[in-house]
C-alpha atoms as a PDB file:
ATOM      1  CA  MET A   1     106.546  71.533 133.348  1.00  0.00           C
ATOM      2  CA  VAL A   2     108.500  71.344 136.766  1.00  0.00           C
ATOM      3  CA  MET A   3     105.228  71.869 138.784  1.00  0.00           C
ATOM      4  CA  GLY A   4     103.689  68.985 136.383  1.00  0.00           C
ATOM      5  CA  VAL A   5     106.304  66.627 137.080  1.00  0.00           C
ATOM      6  CA  VAL A   6     106.185  67.223 140.696  1.00  0.00           C
ATOM      7  CA  ALA A   7     102.529  66.788 140.799  1.00  0.00           C
ATOM      8  CA  ALA A   8     102.439  63.718 138.871  1.00  0.00           C
ATOM      9  CA  GLY A   9     105.219  62.266 140.939  1.00  0.00           C
ATOM     10  CA  PHE A  10     103.671  62.631 144.055  1.00  0.00           C
ATOM     11  CA  GLY A  11     100.370  61.120 142.680  1.00  0.00           C
ATOM     12  CA  LEU A  12     102.408  58.072 141.582  1.00  0.00           C
ATOM     13  CA  LYS A  13     104.725  57.606 144.545  1.00  0.00           C
ATOM     14  CA  GLY A  14     102.327  58.961 147.316  1.00  0.00           C
ATOM     15  CA  PHE A  15      99.640  56.769 146.131  1.00  0.00           C
ATOM     16  CA  LEU A  16      99.792  54.503 143.124  1.00  0.00           C
ATOM     17  CA  LEU A  17     102.970  52.864 143.107  1.00  0.00           C
ATOM     18  CA  PRO A  18     103.245  51.833 146.923  1.00  0.00           C
ATOM     19  CA  ASN A  19      99.566  50.259 146.633  1.00  0.00           C
ATOM     20  CA  SER A  20      99.869  48.628 143.378  1.00  0.00           C
ATOM     21  CA  PHE A  21      97.247  50.720 141.609  1.00  0.00           C
ATOM     22  CA  LEU A  22      96.993  51.443 137.891  1.00  0.00           C
ATOM     23  CA  ASP A  23      96.082  54.001 135.573  1.00  0.00           C
ATOM     24  CA  GLY A  24      95.170  54.214 131.675  1.00  0.00           C
ATOM     25  CA  GLY A  25      97.659  54.974 129.085  1.00  0.00           C
ATOM     26  CA  VAL A  26     101.476  54.665 128.741  1.00  0.00           C
ATOM     27  CA  THR A  27     101.681  55.181 132.571  1.00  0.00           C
ATOM     28  CA  GLY A  28      99.175  52.349 133.029  1.00  0.00           C
ATOM     29  CA  MET A  29     101.118  50.016 130.869  1.00  0.00           C
ATOM     30  CA  SER A  30     104.219  50.858 132.609  1.00  0.00           C
ATOM     31  CA  LEU A  31     102.661  49.745 136.083  1.00  0.00           C
ATOM     32  CA  ILE A  32     101.703  46.471 134.652  1.00  0.00           C
ATOM     33  CA  LEU A  33     104.871  45.846 133.116  1.00  0.00           C
ATOM     34  CA  ALA A  34     106.657  47.099 136.444  1.00  0.00           C
ATOM     35  CA  SER A  35     104.501  44.383 138.714  1.00  0.00           C
ATOM     36  CA  VAL A  36     104.957  41.292 136.579  1.00  0.00           C
ATOM     37  CA  THR A  37     108.816  42.141 135.842  1.00  0.00           C
ATOM     38  CA  ASP A  38     111.780  43.063 137.831  1.00  0.00           C
ATOM     39  CA  ILE A  39     112.376  46.520 135.735  1.00  0.00           C
ATOM     40  CA  HIS A  40     111.754  49.736 137.677  1.00  0.00           C
ATOM     41  CA  PHE A  41     108.700  51.776 136.894  1.00  0.00           C
ATOM     42  CA  SER A  42     110.773  54.849 136.114  1.00  0.00           C
ATOM     43  CA  ILE A  43     112.985  53.064 133.256  1.00  0.00           C
ATOM     44  CA  LEU A  44     109.616  51.475 131.704  1.00  0.00           C
ATOM     45  CA  LEU A  45     108.076  54.587 131.662  1.00  0.00           C
ATOM     46  CA  VAL A  46     110.969  56.186 129.478  1.00  0.00           C
ATOM     47  CA  ILE A  47     111.156  53.262 127.260  1.00  0.00           C
ATOM     48  CA  ILE A  48     107.464  52.798 126.391  1.00  0.00           C
ATOM     49  CA  ASN A  49     107.042  56.868 126.032  1.00  0.00           C
ATOM     50  CA  LEU A  50     110.171  57.134 123.672  1.00  0.00           C
ATOM     51  CA  PRO A  51     108.447  55.323 120.572  1.00  0.00           C
ATOM     52  CA  PHE A  52     105.486  57.725 121.041  1.00  0.00           C
ATOM     53  CA  MET A  53     108.045  61.071 121.341  1.00  0.00           C
ATOM     54  CA  ILE A  54     109.324  60.124 118.140  1.00  0.00           C
ATOM     55  CA  ILE A  55     106.241  60.086 116.115  1.00  0.00           C
ATOM     56  CA  GLY A  56     105.582  63.395 118.097  1.00  0.00           C
ATOM     57  CA  PHE A  57     108.865  64.723 116.655  1.00  0.00           C
ATOM     58  CA  ASN A  58     107.946  63.821 113.147  1.00  0.00           C
ATOM     59  CA  THR A  59     103.883  64.735 113.563  1.00  0.00           C
ATOM     60  CA  ILE A  60     103.858  67.573 115.471  1.00  0.00           C
ATOM     61  CA  SER A  61     106.784  69.450 116.414  1.00  0.00           C
ATOM     62  CA  LYS A  62     110.629  69.305 117.293  1.00  0.00           C
ATOM     63  CA  GLN A  63     110.395  71.723 120.169  1.00  0.00           C
ATOM     64  CA  PHE A  64     107.239  69.818 121.625  1.00  0.00           C
ATOM     65  CA  ALA A  65     108.908  66.216 121.292  1.00  0.00           C
ATOM     66  CA  ILE A  66     112.029  67.531 123.085  1.00  0.00           C
ATOM     67  CA  LYS A  67     109.998  69.137 125.928  1.00  0.00           C
ATOM     68  CA  SER A  68     107.627  66.022 126.358  1.00  0.00           C
ATOM     69  CA  ILE A  69     111.211  63.686 126.401  1.00  0.00           C
ATOM     70  CA  ILE A  70     112.824  66.087 129.188  1.00  0.00           C
ATOM     71  CA  SER A  71     109.199  66.057 131.115  1.00  0.00           C
ATOM     72  CA  VAL A  72     109.070  62.186 131.078  1.00  0.00           C
ATOM     73  CA  ILE A  73     112.852  61.773 132.114  1.00  0.00           C
ATOM     74  CA  LEU A  74     112.291  64.320 134.815  1.00  0.00           C
ATOM     75  CA  LEU A  75     109.075  62.663 136.000  1.00  0.00           C
ATOM     76  CA  ALA A  76     111.011  59.200 136.045  1.00  0.00           C
ATOM     77  CA  ILE A  77     113.910  60.722 138.053  1.00  0.00           C
ATOM     78  CA  ALA A  78     111.480  62.459 140.664  1.00  0.00           C
ATOM     79  CA  VAL A  79     109.886  59.123 141.371  1.00  0.00           C
ATOM     80  CA  ILE A  80     113.285  57.528 142.198  1.00  0.00           C
ATOM     81  CA  VAL A  81     114.911  60.587 144.007  1.00  0.00           C
ATOM     82  CA  ILE A  82     111.955  62.556 145.654  1.00  0.00           C
ATOM     83  CA  PRO A  83     111.022  61.096 148.772  1.00  0.00           C
ATOM     84  CA  PHE A  84     107.233  61.216 148.392  1.00  0.00           C
ATOM     85  CA  PRO A  85     105.425  60.059 151.425  1.00  0.00           C
ATOM     86  CA  LYS A  86     102.729  56.970 151.294  1.00  0.00           C
ATOM     87  CA  VAL A  87      99.780  58.937 151.790  1.00  0.00           C
ATOM     88  CA  THR A  88      96.980  56.255 152.277  1.00  0.00           C
ATOM     89  CA  ASP A  89      95.770  52.567 152.120  1.00  0.00           C
ATOM     90  CA  ASP A  90      92.189  53.608 151.722  1.00  0.00           C
ATOM     91  CA  SER A  91      91.260  52.243 147.947  1.00  0.00           C
ATOM     92  CA  ILE A  92      89.003  54.965 147.068  1.00  0.00           C
ATOM     93  CA  LEU A  93      91.208  57.677 148.226  1.00  0.00           C
ATOM     94  CA  ILE A  94      94.268  56.358 146.324  1.00  0.00           C
ATOM     95  CA  SER A  95      92.128  55.973 143.311  1.00  0.00           C
ATOM     96  CA  VAL A  96      90.455  59.319 143.221  1.00  0.00           C
ATOM     97  CA  PHE A  97      93.333  61.581 144.669  1.00  0.00           C
ATOM     98  CA  GLY A  98      96.202  59.471 142.903  1.00  0.00           C
ATOM     99  CA  GLY A  99      94.281  60.314 139.635  1.00  0.00           C
ATOM    100  CA  PHE A 100      93.872  63.993 140.721  1.00  0.00           C
ATOM    101  CA  PHE A 101      97.422  64.571 141.337  1.00  0.00           C
ATOM    102  CA  LEU A 102      98.625  62.616 138.187  1.00  0.00           C
ATOM    103  CA  GLY A 103      95.849  64.283 136.097  1.00  0.00           C
ATOM    104  CA  LEU A 104      97.088  67.803 137.559  1.00  0.00           C
ATOM    105  CA  GLY A 105     100.674  66.855 136.634  1.00  0.00           C
ATOM    106  CA  ILE A 106      99.836  65.786 133.043  1.00  0.00           C
ATOM    107  CA  GLY A 107      97.445  68.982 132.750  1.00  0.00           C
ATOM    108  CA  LEU A 108     100.533  71.427 133.665  1.00  0.00           C
ATOM    109  CA  SER A 109     102.780  69.850 131.599  1.00  0.00           C
ATOM    110  CA  ILE A 110     100.350  70.240 128.729  1.00  0.00           C
ATOM    111  CA  ARG A 111     100.195  73.945 129.570  1.00  0.00           C
ATOM    112  CA  GLY A 112     103.837  74.038 129.460  1.00  0.00           C
ATOM    113  CA  GLY A 113     104.072  72.713 125.899  1.00  0.00           C
ATOM    114  CA  SER A 114     104.690  69.083 126.842  1.00  0.00           C
ATOM    115  CA  VAL A 115     103.044  65.637 127.585  1.00  0.00           C
ATOM    116  CA  LEU A 116     103.881  63.089 130.274  1.00  0.00           C
ATOM    117  CA  ASP A 117     102.088  60.313 128.642  1.00  0.00           C
ATOM    118  CA  GLY A 118     102.506  59.374 124.994  1.00  0.00           C
ATOM    119  CA  THR A 119      98.931  57.993 124.440  1.00  0.00           C
ATOM    120  CA  GLU A 120      97.723  61.423 123.710  1.00  0.00           C
ATOM    121  CA  ILE A 121     100.540  61.650 120.566  1.00  0.00           C
ATOM    122  CA  MET A 122      99.492  58.023 119.457  1.00  0.00           C
ATOM    123  CA  ALA A 123      95.883  59.502 119.090  1.00  0.00           C
ATOM    124  CA  VAL A 124      96.564  62.330 117.131  1.00  0.00           C
ATOM    125  CA  PHE A 125      98.873  60.302 114.628  1.00  0.00           C
ATOM    126  CA  ILE A 126      96.379  57.225 114.475  1.00  0.00           C
ATOM    127  CA  SER A 127      93.367  59.929 114.162  1.00  0.00           C
ATOM    128  CA  ARG A 128      95.271  61.586 111.062  1.00  0.00           C
ATOM    129  CA  LYS A 129      95.443  58.216 109.154  1.00  0.00           C
ATOM    130  CA  THR A 130      92.103  56.805 109.960  1.00  0.00           C
ATOM    131  CA  THR A 131      88.633  57.893 110.464  1.00  0.00           C
ATOM    132  CA  LEU A 132      88.874  57.544 114.491  1.00  0.00           C
ATOM    133  CA  SER A 133      88.995  60.419 116.403  1.00  0.00           C
ATOM    134  CA  ILE A 134      91.376  61.289 119.102  1.00  0.00           C
ATOM    135  CA  GLY A 135      89.015  60.377 121.761  1.00  0.00           C
ATOM    136  CA  ASP A 136      88.149  56.931 119.947  1.00  0.00           C
ATOM    137  CA  VAL A 137      91.730  55.934 120.018  1.00  0.00           C
ATOM    138  CA  ILE A 138      92.392  57.054 123.796  1.00  0.00           C
ATOM    139  CA  LEU A 139      89.156  55.029 124.719  1.00  0.00           C
ATOM    140  CA  ILE A 140      90.312  51.871 122.535  1.00  0.00           C
ATOM    141  CA  PHE A 141      93.966  51.739 124.150  1.00  0.00           C
ATOM    142  CA  ASN A 142      92.729  51.991 127.491  1.00  0.00           C
ATOM    143  CA  ILE A 143      90.009  49.452 127.105  1.00  0.00           C
ATOM    144  CA  ILE A 144      93.007  47.453 125.947  1.00  0.00           C
ATOM    145  CA  ILE A 145      94.932  48.326 129.211  1.00  0.00           C
ATOM    146  CA  PHE A 146      91.958  47.588 131.492  1.00  0.00           C
ATOM    147  CA  SER A 147      91.249  44.363 130.118  1.00  0.00           C
ATOM    148  CA  ILE A 148      95.136  43.353 130.200  1.00  0.00           C
ATOM    149  CA  ALA A 149      94.918  44.614 134.166  1.00  0.00           C
ATOM    150  CA  THR A 150      91.601  42.487 134.655  1.00  0.00           C
ATOM    151  CA  TYR A 151      93.768  39.308 133.221  1.00  0.00           C
ATOM    152  CA  VAL A 152      96.923  39.839 135.063  1.00  0.00           C
ATOM    153  CA  PHE A 153      95.580  40.997 138.562  1.00  0.00           C
ATOM    154  CA  ASN A 154      91.741  40.879 138.987  1.00  0.00           C
ATOM    155  CA  ILE A 155      88.620  42.721 138.156  1.00  0.00           C
ATOM    156  CA  GLU A 156      88.409  44.690 141.362  1.00  0.00           C
ATOM    157  CA  ILE A 157      92.186  46.185 140.438  1.00  0.00           C
ATOM    158  CA  ALA A 158      90.952  46.978 137.011  1.00  0.00           C
ATOM    159  CA  LEU A 159      87.849  48.765 138.258  1.00  0.00           C
ATOM    160  CA  TYR A 160      90.002  50.831 140.633  1.00  0.00           C
ATOM    161  CA  ALA A 161      92.269  51.812 137.671  1.00  0.00           C
ATOM    162  CA  MET A 162      89.056  52.937 135.700  1.00  0.00           C
ATOM    163  CA  LEU A 163      88.166  55.121 138.612  1.00  0.00           C
ATOM    164  CA  THR A 164      91.849  56.478 138.671  1.00  0.00           C
ATOM    165  CA  TYR A 165      91.823  56.948 135.126  1.00  0.00           C
ATOM    166  CA  LEU A 166      88.471  58.926 135.322  1.00  0.00           C
ATOM    167  CA  SER A 167      89.885  61.101 138.107  1.00  0.00           C
ATOM    168  CA  ALA A 168      92.791  61.950 135.988  1.00  0.00           C
ATOM    169  CA  SER A 169      91.298  62.886 132.772  1.00  0.00           C
ATOM    170  CA  LYS A 170      88.673  65.078 134.656  1.00  0.00           C
ATOM    171  CA  THR A 171      91.454  67.030 136.373  1.00  0.00           C
ATOM    172  CA  VAL A 172      93.362  67.229 132.857  1.00  0.00           C
ATOM    173  CA  ASP A 173      90.253  68.757 131.455  1.00  0.00           C
ATOM    174  CA  PHE A 174      90.009  71.454 134.183  1.00  0.00           C
ATOM    175  CA  VAL A 175      93.456  72.184 134.218  1.00  0.00           C
ATOM    176  CA  VAL A 176      93.782  72.422 130.461  1.00  0.00           C
ATOM    177  CA  ASP A 177      90.553  73.935 129.472  1.00  0.00           C
ATOM    178  CA  GLY A 178      88.485  74.923 132.579  1.00  0.00           C
ATOM    179  CA  ILE A 179      90.831  77.303 134.279  1.00  0.00           C
ATOM    180  CA  GLU A 180      90.784  79.634 131.078  1.00  0.00           C
ATOM    181  CA  GLU A 181      87.556  78.434 129.402  1.00  0.00           C
ATOM    182  CA  TYR A 182      86.309  81.164 126.880  1.00  0.00           C
ATOM    183  CA  ILE A 183      83.097  82.774 128.120  1.00  0.00           C
ATOM    184  CA  GLY A 184      80.660  84.426 125.570  1.00  0.00           C
ATOM    185  CA  VAL A 185      79.167  87.566 127.288  1.00  0.00           C
ATOM    186  CA  THR A 186      76.470  89.619 125.804  1.00  0.00           C
ATOM    187  CA  ILE A 187      75.560  92.998 127.049  1.00  0.00           C
ATOM    188  CA  ILE A 188      72.418  94.921 127.003  1.00  0.00           C
ATOM    189  CA  SER A 189      72.768  98.619 128.234  1.00  0.00           C
ATOM    190  CA  GLU A 190      71.972 102.056 127.281  1.00  0.00           C
ATOM    191  CA  LYS A 191      75.582 103.222 128.077  1.00  0.00           C
ATOM    192  CA  ASN A 192      76.666 100.402 124.983  1.00  0.00           C
ATOM    193  CA  GLU A 193      79.303 102.701 123.523  1.00  0.00           C
ATOM    194  CA  ASP A 194      81.237 103.532 126.917  1.00  0.00           C
ATOM    195  CA  ILE A 195      81.218  99.787 127.798  1.00  0.00           C
ATOM    196  CA  ARG A 196      82.347  99.250 124.163  1.00  0.00           C
ATOM    197  CA  LEU A 197      85.348 101.597 124.631  1.00  0.00           C
ATOM    198  CA  SER A 198      85.824 100.418 127.753  1.00  0.00           C
ATOM    199  CA  ILE A 199      86.313  96.762 126.609  1.00  0.00           C
ATOM    200  CA  ILE A 200      88.576  97.633 123.832  1.00  0.00           C
ATOM    201  CA  GLU A 201      90.786 100.553 125.733  1.00  0.00           C
ATOM    202  CA  ASN A 202      91.066  99.395 129.384  1.00  0.00           C
ATOM    203  CA  LEU A 203      90.907  95.532 129.013  1.00  0.00           C
ATOM    204  CA  GLY A 204      92.499  95.482 125.768  1.00  0.00           C
ATOM    205  CA  MET A 205      89.849  92.990 124.347  1.00  0.00           C
ATOM    206  CA  GLY A 206      87.889  92.745 121.154  1.00  0.00           C
ATOM    207  CA  CYS A 207      84.007  92.994 120.803  1.00  0.00           C
ATOM    208  CA  THR A 208      81.375  92.792 118.132  1.00  0.00           C
ATOM    209  CA  ILE A 209      77.984  95.137 118.104  1.00  0.00           C
ATOM    210  CA  TYR A 210      74.807  93.897 117.151  1.00  0.00           C
ATOM    211  CA  GLU A 211      71.828  96.176 116.233  1.00  0.00           C
ATOM    212  CA  GLY A 212      68.902  94.830 118.194  1.00  0.00           C
ATOM    213  CA  LYS A 213      65.362  95.893 119.613  1.00  0.00           C
ATOM    214  CA  ARG A 214      64.223  95.923 123.265  1.00  0.00           C
ATOM    215  CA  GLY A 215      61.222  93.422 123.456  1.00  0.00           C
ATOM    216  CA  PHE A 216      59.873  94.644 126.549  1.00  0.00           C
ATOM    217  CA  SER A 217      57.253  96.960 125.032  1.00  0.00           C
ATOM    218  CA  PRO A 218      53.363  96.977 125.271  1.00  0.00           C
ATOM    219  CA  ARG A 219      51.384  95.688 122.622  1.00  0.00           C
ATOM    220  CA  GLY A 220      50.937  98.379 119.510  1.00  0.00           C
ATOM    221  CA  GLN A 221      53.836 100.129 120.911  1.00  0.00           C
ATOM    222  CA  PRO A 222      57.354 100.426 118.633  1.00  0.00           C
ATOM    223  CA  LEU A 223      59.980  98.739 119.793  1.00  0.00           C
ATOM    224  CA  GLN A 224      62.740 100.460 120.999  1.00  0.00           C
ATOM    225  CA  ASP A 225      66.351 100.201 118.844  1.00  0.00           C
ATOM    226  CA  THR A 226      69.466  99.243 120.929  1.00  0.00           C
ATOM    227  CA  LYS A 227      72.913  98.144 120.497  1.00  0.00           C
ATOM    228  CA  ILE A 228      74.177  94.842 121.861  1.00  0.00           C
ATOM    229  CA  VAL A 229      77.651  94.500 122.818  1.00  0.00           C
ATOM    230  CA  TYR A 230      79.204  90.982 122.307  1.00  0.00           C
ATOM    231  CA  THR A 231      82.711  89.940 123.542  1.00  0.00           C
ATOM    232  CA  LEU A 232      84.854  86.912 124.381  1.00  0.00           C
ATOM    233  CA  VAL A 233      86.491  86.570 127.702  1.00  0.00           C
ATOM    234  CA  THR A 234      88.622  83.915 129.614  1.00  0.00           C
ATOM    235  CA  ARG A 235      87.283  82.884 132.882  1.00  0.00           C
ATOM    236  CA  LEU A 236      90.290  84.691 134.486  1.00  0.00           C
ATOM    237  CA  GLU A 237      89.183  87.698 132.809  1.00  0.00           C
ATOM    238  CA  MET A 238      85.659  87.635 133.435  1.00  0.00           C
ATOM    239  CA  THR A 239      86.072  89.605 136.887  1.00  0.00           C
ATOM    240  CA  LYS A 240      87.951  92.617 135.252  1.00  0.00           C
ATOM    241  CA  LEU A 241      84.990  93.053 132.716  1.00  0.00           C
ATOM    242  CA  MET A 242      82.180  92.610 134.938  1.00  0.00           C
ATOM    243  CA  THR A 243      84.103  95.435 137.313  1.00  0.00           C
ATOM    244  CA  GLU A 244      83.951  97.620 134.363  1.00  0.00           C
ATOM    245  CA  ILE A 245      80.276  97.188 133.537  1.00  0.00           C
ATOM    246  CA  GLU A 246      79.662  97.891 137.139  1.00  0.00           C
ATOM    247  CA  LYS A 247      81.239 101.291 136.796  1.00  0.00           C
ATOM    248  CA  ILE A 248      79.614 102.276 133.768  1.00  0.00           C
ATOM    249  CA  ASP A 249      76.084 100.692 133.996  1.00  0.00           C
ATOM    250  CA  PRO A 250      75.310  98.682 137.445  1.00  0.00           C
ATOM    251  CA  SER A 251      71.667  98.185 135.658  1.00  0.00           C
ATOM    252  CA  ALA A 252      73.237  96.657 132.615  1.00  0.00           C
ATOM    253  CA  PHE A 253      71.808  93.476 131.441  1.00  0.00           C
ATOM    254  CA  VAL A 254      74.492  90.816 131.065  1.00  0.00           C
ATOM    255  CA  VAL A 255      74.258  87.064 129.590  1.00  0.00           C
ATOM    256  CA  MET A 256      77.323  84.603 129.817  1.00  0.00           C
ATOM    257  CA  HIS A 257      77.804  81.334 128.311  1.00  0.00           C
ATOM    258  CA  SER A 258      80.559  78.839 128.061  1.00  0.00           C
ATOM    259  CA  ILE A 259      82.284  78.806 124.622  1.00  0.00           C
ATOM    260  CA  LYS A 260      84.276  75.127 123.921  1.00  0.00           C
ATOM    261  CA  ASP A 261      86.790  76.961 121.893  1.00  0.00           C
ATOM    262  CA  ALA A 262      87.392  79.869 119.652  1.00  0.00           C
ATOM    263  CA  LYS A 263      90.076  81.321 117.139  1.00  0.00           C
ATOM    264  CA  GLY A 264      90.822  84.264 115.283  1.00  0.00           C
ATOM    265  CA  GLY A 265      90.152  87.920 115.951  1.00  0.00           C
ATOM    266  CA  MET A 266      91.485  89.451 119.174  1.00  0.00           C
ATOM    267  CA  ILE A 267      91.344  86.349 121.216  1.00  0.00           C
ATOM    268  CA  LYS A 268      93.929  85.332 123.861  1.00  0.00           C
ATOM    269  CA  LYS A 269      96.002  82.611 123.068  1.00  0.00           C
ATOM    270  CA  ARG A 270      96.349  79.698 125.416  1.00  0.00           C
ATOM    271  CA  PRO A 271      99.867  78.752 125.666  1.00  0.00           C
ATOM    272  CA  TYR A 272      99.336  75.112 124.877  1.00  0.00           C
ATOM    273  CA  HIS A 273      97.418  75.775 121.552  1.00  0.00           C
ATOM    274  CA  ASN A 274     100.476  74.560 119.396  1.00  0.00           C
ATOM    275  CA  VAL A 275     100.715  71.195 121.229  1.00  0.00           C
END
């Protein structure tokens, strides 16, 4: 959470705030109001986020809401207190890297069990009350923000804001899901039993055994029976698994594919699954 606050503070004060750039969500709304009023951005960030945190308190969990309030307050303080330098005046660099560091901060905060922007909480709340998905609610909210930015400022500022939001959202996706993305691994080997035991004993992971037949056989020849080992690991655990397979059977046929999400069984829980 602290690392997330520092990263987001650097993105805001080092890129967006000194150049009057915007982002989506509550952060974007706070930036717009700060530019048209005399109220400091940090104060607006806390005030606008507060109603969403109250919703989170009632709909998600008390611990999550308290963590989120603390994170937002720390971010507001960091923007005021920490002397982040202004990095660049280049508009593209500001949009891309401002969004990157802001997204990095939001992603790290999510992994710590909190959020720095109440938009996600609002999206969860509305999606439970309507037929809209969480993604639909966030999209509609940001369309409104960018439309207001076009009216208050100009179309160019709004377009740069969209670029900032895109950079931030992609970074959040990678930090939250990409680092520990689930990978399904199919292993075909004559030493399948040794590999199975290595997976459950040395790596502490679960696996499933399929009964299969080897398809590479001349016409008229019977197909050879084989056992196929299937397991699910995170990207960070993939190297350990491949090392174990190499030790047992360097010629093993291994197929890997990305998994969006999984639950149950002996799957390693991500730290933010209760958010």
